[in-house]
Amino acid sequence: MDEIETQAKIISLSKCLHGFDLLELNQLLSVSSKAIWKKGTDIFLEGDPGRDMYIICAGKVVIWRNIAGKRLDLACLSVGESFGEMGLVDVGKRSAGAQATEDTLALRISYDRLYETPTAASILYRNIAKALAERLTIANDIIIFQSQHGATISPLEATGRYRAFK
């Protein structure tokens, strides 16, 4: 498979790139860069500042949180999947860490340059909103399941956010 076929396959797998035509995709790529990590490299840590998102082109990445001093793996991502989207949406700190579990190549999309391509940015933000809504639905389902099946700690306490609501 040549490079163009590989790129086309990655683009077709990535939910974040649905709805892009060739011109819009080229615009997005023109303000993006390549990111490469060796196996075991921390891409970012929970609590780090960050304004970039990534789409995995090769390799795998684990997303994790620190819960009560222990690392809890939340997701294992592979080719076509994205992470760090909140960096484009929210100025806050990273809500989770990310680590390469294989040698990994990703497309880095930076908030600082995204404004240069308003059409591509609007499509990307729409796709991010859809992905975040899907994740919120899953999180809500998990909370409901836990509350119905005897969780001994409330979801807010489990996430450490209970104090904010007292």
Protein backbone atom coordinates (compact mmCIF):
# COMPACT_ATOMS: atom_id res chain seq x y z
CA MET A 1 0.00 0.00 0.00
CA ASP A 2 1.49 3.38 -0.95
CA GLU A 3 1.51 6.51 1.22
CA ILE A 4 -1.61 8.06 -0.36
CA GLU A 5 -3.62 4.85 0.13
CA THR A 6 -2.41 4.66 3.76
CA GLN A 7 -3.44 8.27 4.41
CA ALA A 8 -6.83 7.70 2.76
CA LYS A 9 -7.40 4.64 4.95
CA ILE A 10 -6.53 6.57 8.13
CA ILE A 11 -8.79 9.44 7.15
CA SER A 12 -11.67 7.07 6.44
CA LEU A 13 -11.23 5.48 9.90
CA SER A 14 -11.13 8.74 11.85
CA LYS A 15 -14.47 10.01 13.13
CA CYS A 16 -12.90 13.43 13.64
CA LEU A 17 -12.37 13.76 9.89
CA HIS A 18 -15.84 12.72 8.69
CA GLY A 19 -17.40 15.25 6.35
CA PHE A 20 -14.13 16.76 5.13
CA ASP A 21 -13.74 17.20 1.39
CA LEU A 22 -10.26 17.16 -0.18
CA LEU A 23 -9.82 20.96 -0.03
CA GLU A 24 -10.84 21.17 3.64
CA LEU A 25 -8.63 18.22 4.51
CA ASN A 26 -5.65 19.85 2.78
CA GLN A 27 -6.36 23.05 4.71
CA LEU A 28 -6.36 21.14 8.00
CA LEU A 29 -3.18 19.27 7.09
CA SER A 30 -1.47 22.55 6.19
CA VAL A 31 -1.78 23.77 9.79
CA SER A 32 -1.06 20.37 11.37
CA SER A 33 2.19 18.61 12.14
CA LYS A 34 3.54 15.13 12.69
CA ALA A 35 4.11 13.78 16.20
CA ILE A 36 6.25 10.71 16.86
CA TRP A 37 6.70 8.83 20.16
CA LYS A 38 8.65 5.72 21.09
CA LYS A 39 6.95 2.91 23.01
CA GLY A 40 6.57 3.87 26.68
CA THR A 41 6.84 7.62 26.10
CA ASP A 42 4.44 9.85 28.05
CA ILE A 43 2.67 12.06 25.51
CA PHE A 44 1.21 14.20 28.26
CA LEU A 45 0.39 13.77 31.93
CA GLU A 46 -2.88 14.32 33.74
CA GLY A 47 -2.87 17.97 34.85
CA ASP A 48 -0.50 19.20 32.14
CA PRO A 49 -1.52 22.23 30.10
CA GLY A 50 -2.22 21.39 26.47
CA ARG A 51 -3.87 22.87 23.40
CA ASP A 52 -3.25 20.08 20.86
CA MET A 53 -5.27 17.07 19.79
CA TYR A 54 -3.94 14.03 17.99
CA ILE A 55 -5.16 11.50 15.43
CA ILE A 56 -3.24 8.21 15.51
CA CYS A 57 -1.76 7.22 12.14
CA ALA A 58 0.28 4.23 13.39
CA GLY A 59 0.77 2.64 16.80
CA LYS A 60 -1.29 2.63 19.99
CA VAL A 61 -1.89 5.00 22.90
CA VAL A 62 -3.32 4.32 26.35
CA ILE A 63 -5.36 7.03 28.10
CA TRP A 64 -5.16 6.90 31.91
CA ARG A 65 -6.13 8.72 35.11
CA ASN A 66 -4.58 8.72 38.55
CA ILE A 67 -7.20 7.55 41.06
CA ALA A 68 -6.19 7.47 44.74
CA GLY A 69 -2.52 7.22 43.80
CA LYS A 70 -3.01 4.38 41.32
CA ARG A 71 -3.00 4.54 37.55
CA LEU A 72 -6.30 3.48 36.00
CA ASP A 73 -6.25 2.84 32.25
CA LEU A 74 -9.40 4.27 30.66
CA ALA A 75 -8.94 3.45 26.96
CA CYS A 76 -6.52 1.91 24.51
CA LEU A 77 -6.60 3.76 21.20
CA SER A 78 -5.27 2.73 17.80
CA VAL A 79 -5.10 3.86 14.17
CA GLY A 80 -7.79 6.37 13.20
CA GLU A 81 -8.73 7.23 16.79
CA SER A 82 -8.15 10.63 18.35
CA PHE A 83 -7.29 11.95 21.79
CA GLY A 84 -6.62 15.28 23.45
CA GLU A 85 -9.68 16.90 21.86
CA MET A 86 -10.46 18.83 25.04
CA GLY A 87 -7.23 20.74 24.42
CA LEU A 88 -8.94 22.39 21.45
CA VAL A 89 -12.16 23.04 23.37
CA ASP A 90 -11.08 23.97 26.90
CA VAL A 91 -8.15 26.04 28.19
CA GLY A 92 -7.93 23.91 31.35
CA LYS A 93 -5.45 21.23 32.24
CA ARG A 94 -5.42 17.73 30.75
CA SER A 95 -8.07 15.58 32.44
CA ALA A 96 -6.10 12.39 31.78
CA GLY A 97 -2.65 11.26 30.75
CA ALA A 98 -1.63 9.60 27.48
CA GLN A 99 1.22 7.18 26.84
CA ALA A 100 2.44 5.45 23.68
CA THR A 101 2.18 1.67 24.13
CA GLU A 102 3.87 1.09 20.77
CA ASP A 103 6.03 3.29 18.57
CA THR A 104 3.39 5.79 17.49
CA LEU A 105 2.89 8.33 14.71
CA ALA A 106 0.08 10.88 14.97
CA LEU A 107 -1.26 13.96 13.27
CA ARG A 108 -1.01 16.90 15.73
CA ILE A 109 -3.70 19.56 15.37
CA SER A 110 -2.85 22.70 17.30
CA TYR A 111 -5.35 25.19 18.65
CA ASP A 112 -2.85 27.98 17.94
CA ARG A 113 -3.03 27.38 14.17
CA LEU A 114 -6.55 26.04 13.72
CA TYR A 115 -8.02 29.55 13.35
CA GLU A 116 -6.15 29.82 10.02
CA THR A 117 -8.63 27.35 8.48
CA PRO A 118 -12.11 28.40 9.64
CA THR A 119 -14.03 26.02 7.38
CA ALA A 120 -11.97 22.99 8.36
CA ALA A 121 -12.07 24.10 12.01
CA SER A 122 -15.88 24.27 12.02
CA ILE A 123 -16.15 20.73 10.64
CA LEU A 124 -13.58 19.45 13.12
CA TYR A 125 -15.33 21.13 16.07
CA ARG A 126 -18.68 19.65 14.96
CA ASN A 127 -17.10 16.19 14.88
CA ILE A 128 -15.48 16.72 18.28
CA ALA A 129 -18.87 17.76 19.71
CA LYS A 130 -20.40 14.54 18.38
CA ALA A 131 -17.58 12.44 19.88
CA LEU A 132 -17.84 14.18 23.26
CA ALA A 133 -21.62 13.72 23.28
CA GLU A 134 -21.12 9.99 22.59
CA ARG A 135 -18.61 9.75 25.47
CA LEU A 136 -20.98 11.62 27.80
CA THR A 137 -23.80 9.21 26.95
CA ILE A 138 -21.52 6.26 27.76
CA ALA A 139 -20.41 7.88 31.03
CA ASN A 140 -24.05 8.49 31.99
CA ASP A 141 -24.90 4.87 31.24
CA ILE A 142 -22.03 3.72 33.46
CA ILE A 143 -23.17 5.97 36.30
CA ILE A 144 -26.75 4.68 36.04
CA PHE A 145 -25.55 1.06 35.94
CA GLN A 146 -23.36 1.56 38.99
CA SER A 147 -26.10 3.28 40.97
CA GLN A 148 -28.57 0.50 40.16
CA HIS A 149 -26.16 -2.32 40.96
CA GLY A 150 -24.82 -1.35 44.34
CA ALA A 151 -21.90 1.02 43.87
CA THR A 152 -20.70 1.89 47.37
CA ILE A 153 -19.33 5.28 46.39
CA SER A 154 -21.09 8.03 44.43
CA PRO A 155 -19.77 8.94 40.96
CA LEU A 156 -18.80 12.42 42.16
CA GLU A 157 -16.84 10.97 45.06
CA ALA A 158 -15.20 8.42 42.75
CA THR A 159 -13.94 11.19 40.46
CA GLY A 160 -12.80 13.44 43.31
CA ARG A 161 -15.22 16.18 42.26
CA TYR A 162 -17.65 15.84 45.17
CA ARG A 163 -16.13 18.80 47.06
CA ALA A 164 -17.02 21.15 44.21
CA PHE A 165 -20.72 20.45 44.74
CA LYS A 166 -20.88 20.71 48.55
